[in-house]
Amino acid sequence: MEVLFNEQDLVDSICIYIAVKESIEPQHVEVDLEFHPSLGFAASTLALGRATRLYEQDIIDAVAVYLQDYHQFITDHLQVNLSFSEKDGFTASIQVLNN
């Protein structure tokens, strides 16, 4: 099975991920997604005045945590592939592996 995330889904996942780490509500987290051809994916977050930088693996972990906590997926069975295009913006394709 494949699950597709658009840019808002990715932002929501990161908001929840940071909120859990900081013990705050997700609506208190601001996210700015970034893609650099030579450096890959990153996200800058701001939560109650604290800035955090997430890198590609952190974003993948955020998607996995979101799918586990809100949709009961098993994180070890997820393969997350991030992508960026001018047309679609930031997206993720999540393969759900059957084991």
C-alpha atoms as a PDB file:
ATOM      1  CA  MET A   1       0.000   0.000   0.000  1.00  0.00           C
ATOM      2  CA  GLU A   2       1.158   3.554  -0.682  1.00  0.00           C
ATOM      3  CA  VAL A   3       0.230   6.662   1.298  1.00  0.00           C
ATOM      4  CA  LEU A   4       0.813  10.072  -0.280  1.00  0.00           C
ATOM      5  CA  PHE A   5       1.463  13.208   1.746  1.00  0.00           C
ATOM      6  CA  ASN A   6       1.229  16.727   0.383  1.00  0.00           C
ATOM      7  CA  GLU A   7       3.110  19.690   1.822  1.00  0.00           C
ATOM      8  CA  GLN A   8       0.478  20.385   4.489  1.00  0.00           C
ATOM      9  CA  ASP A   9       0.592  16.756   5.653  1.00  0.00           C
ATOM     10  CA  LEU A  10       4.373  17.066   6.062  1.00  0.00           C
ATOM     11  CA  VAL A  11       4.029  20.330   8.004  1.00  0.00           C
ATOM     12  CA  ASP A  12       1.362  18.786  10.241  1.00  0.00           C
ATOM     13  CA  SER A  13       3.611  15.779  10.929  1.00  0.00           C
ATOM     14  CA  ILE A  14       6.508  18.036  11.911  1.00  0.00           C
ATOM     15  CA  CYS A  15       4.259  20.190  14.120  1.00  0.00           C
ATOM     16  CA  ILE A  16       3.112  17.111  16.022  1.00  0.00           C
ATOM     17  CA  TYR A  17       6.655  15.715  16.233  1.00  0.00           C
ATOM     18  CA  ILE A  18       8.021  18.943  17.747  1.00  0.00           C
ATOM     19  CA  ALA A  19       4.979  19.373  19.996  1.00  0.00           C
ATOM     20  CA  VAL A  20       5.536  15.933  21.521  1.00  0.00           C
ATOM     21  CA  LYS A  21       9.245  16.651  22.088  1.00  0.00           C
ATOM     22  CA  GLU A  22       8.552  20.067  23.643  1.00  0.00           C
ATOM     23  CA  SER A  23       5.365  19.056  25.527  1.00  0.00           C
ATOM     24  CA  ILE A  24       3.298  21.773  23.833  1.00  0.00           C
ATOM     25  CA  GLU A  25       0.295  21.915  21.523  1.00  0.00           C
ATOM     26  CA  PRO A  26       0.988  21.442  17.769  1.00  0.00           C
ATOM     27  CA  GLN A  27      -0.621  24.787  16.913  1.00  0.00           C
ATOM     28  CA  HIS A  28       2.267  26.522  18.734  1.00  0.00           C
ATOM     29  CA  VAL A  29       4.784  25.207  16.192  1.00  0.00           C
ATOM     30  CA  GLU A  30       5.752  27.048  13.006  1.00  0.00           C
ATOM     31  CA  VAL A  31       7.465  25.106  10.201  1.00  0.00           C
ATOM     32  CA  ASP A  32       9.441  26.203   7.160  1.00  0.00           C
ATOM     33  CA  LEU A  33      10.342  23.353   4.788  1.00  0.00           C
ATOM     34  CA  GLU A  34      13.508  23.638   2.727  1.00  0.00           C
ATOM     35  CA  PHE A  35      15.157  21.764  -0.115  1.00  0.00           C
ATOM     36  CA  HIS A  36      18.712  22.309  -1.296  1.00  0.00           C
ATOM     37  CA  PRO A  37      19.827  20.208  -4.295  1.00  0.00           C
ATOM     38  CA  SER A  38      23.220  19.485  -2.755  1.00  0.00           C
ATOM     39  CA  LEU A  39      22.141  19.255   0.912  1.00  0.00           C
ATOM     40  CA  GLY A  40      18.723  17.594   0.690  1.00  0.00           C
ATOM     41  CA  PHE A  41      15.665  18.255   2.830  1.00  0.00           C
ATOM     42  CA  ALA A  42      15.487  20.272   6.031  1.00  0.00           C
ATOM     43  CA  ALA A  43      12.955  22.130   8.140  1.00  0.00           C
ATOM     44  CA  SER A  44      13.267  25.094  10.445  1.00  0.00           C
ATOM     45  CA  THR A  45      10.811  25.144  13.319  1.00  0.00           C
ATOM     46  CA  LEU A  46       9.882  27.747  15.880  1.00  0.00           C
ATOM     47  CA  ALA A  47       8.001  26.719  19.017  1.00  0.00           C
ATOM     48  CA  LEU A  48       7.431  29.152  21.885  1.00  0.00           C
ATOM     49  CA  GLY A  49      10.511  31.129  20.930  1.00  0.00           C
ATOM     50  CA  ARG A  50      12.782  28.080  20.512  1.00  0.00           C
ATOM     51  CA  ALA A  51      14.197  27.386  17.079  1.00  0.00           C
ATOM     52  CA  THR A  52      14.990  23.851  15.974  1.00  0.00           C
ATOM     53  CA  ARG A  53      16.551  22.576  12.764  1.00  0.00           C
ATOM     54  CA  LEU A  54      15.397  19.234  11.407  1.00  0.00           C
ATOM     55  CA  TYR A  55      17.185  17.319   8.701  1.00  0.00           C
ATOM     56  CA  GLU A  56      15.926  14.697   6.261  1.00  0.00           C
ATOM     57  CA  GLN A  57      15.942  11.779   8.720  1.00  0.00           C
ATOM     58  CA  ASP A  58      14.142  13.898  11.328  1.00  0.00           C
ATOM     59  CA  ILE A  59      11.401  14.715   8.799  1.00  0.00           C
ATOM     60  CA  ILE A  60      11.081  11.026   7.900  1.00  0.00           C
ATOM     61  CA  ASP A  61      10.849  10.196  11.619  1.00  0.00           C
ATOM     62  CA  ALA A  62       8.152  12.864  12.042  1.00  0.00           C
ATOM     63  CA  VAL A  63       6.067  11.284   9.267  1.00  0.00           C
ATOM     64  CA  ALA A  64       6.492   7.819  10.800  1.00  0.00           C
ATOM     65  CA  VAL A  65       5.551   9.041  14.293  1.00  0.00           C
ATOM     66  CA  TYR A  66       2.477  10.798  12.909  1.00  0.00           C
ATOM     67  CA  LEU A  67       1.342   7.665  11.058  1.00  0.00           C
ATOM     68  CA  GLN A  68       1.973   5.520  14.122  1.00  0.00           C
ATOM     69  CA  ASP A  69       0.272   7.802  16.655  1.00  0.00           C
ATOM     70  CA  TYR A  70      -2.719   8.870  14.569  1.00  0.00           C
ATOM     71  CA  HIS A  71      -3.283   5.940  12.222  1.00  0.00           C
ATOM     72  CA  GLN A  72      -1.747   2.961  14.074  1.00  0.00           C
ATOM     73  CA  PHE A  73       0.834   2.121  11.403  1.00  0.00           C
ATOM     74  CA  ILE A  74       3.924   0.195  12.508  1.00  0.00           C
ATOM     75  CA  THR A  75       6.936   2.472  11.994  1.00  0.00           C
ATOM     76  CA  ASP A  76       9.243  -0.435  11.083  1.00  0.00           C
ATOM     77  CA  HIS A  77       6.924  -1.190   8.156  1.00  0.00           C
ATOM     78  CA  LEU A  78       7.142   2.281   6.609  1.00  0.00           C
ATOM     79  CA  GLN A  79       9.483   3.457   3.871  1.00  0.00           C
ATOM     80  CA  VAL A  80       9.237   7.238   3.493  1.00  0.00           C
ATOM     81  CA  ASN A  81      10.509   8.983   0.355  1.00  0.00           C
ATOM     82  CA  LEU A  82      10.537  12.777   0.349  1.00  0.00           C
ATOM     83  CA  SER A  83      10.437  14.773  -2.875  1.00  0.00           C
ATOM     84  CA  PHE A  84      10.247  18.354  -4.068  1.00  0.00           C
ATOM     85  CA  SER A  85       9.136  19.836  -7.365  1.00  0.00           C
ATOM     86  CA  GLU A  86       8.247  23.363  -8.431  1.00  0.00           C
ATOM     87  CA  LYS A  87       4.811  22.136  -9.499  1.00  0.00           C
ATOM     88  CA  ASP A  88       3.828  20.038  -6.465  1.00  0.00           C
ATOM     89  CA  GLY A  89       6.013  21.525  -3.738  1.00  0.00           C
ATOM     90  CA  PHE A  90       7.043  19.159  -0.949  1.00  0.00           C
ATOM     91  CA  THR A  91       5.511  15.683  -1.004  1.00  0.00           C
ATOM     92  CA  ALA A  92       6.148  12.266   0.478  1.00  0.00           C
ATOM     93  CA  SER A  93       5.415   8.808  -0.783  1.00  0.00           C
ATOM     94  CA  ILE A  94       5.114   6.302   2.044  1.00  0.00           C
ATOM     95  CA  GLN A  95       5.303   2.614   1.208  1.00  0.00           C
ATOM     96  CA  VAL A  96       3.629   0.415   3.817  1.00  0.00           C
ATOM     97  CA  LEU A  97       5.479  -2.890   3.817  1.00  0.00           C
ATOM     98  CA  ASN A  98       3.705  -6.089   4.765  1.00  0.00           C
ATOM     99  CA  ASN A  99       5.824  -8.184   7.116  1.00  0.00           C
END
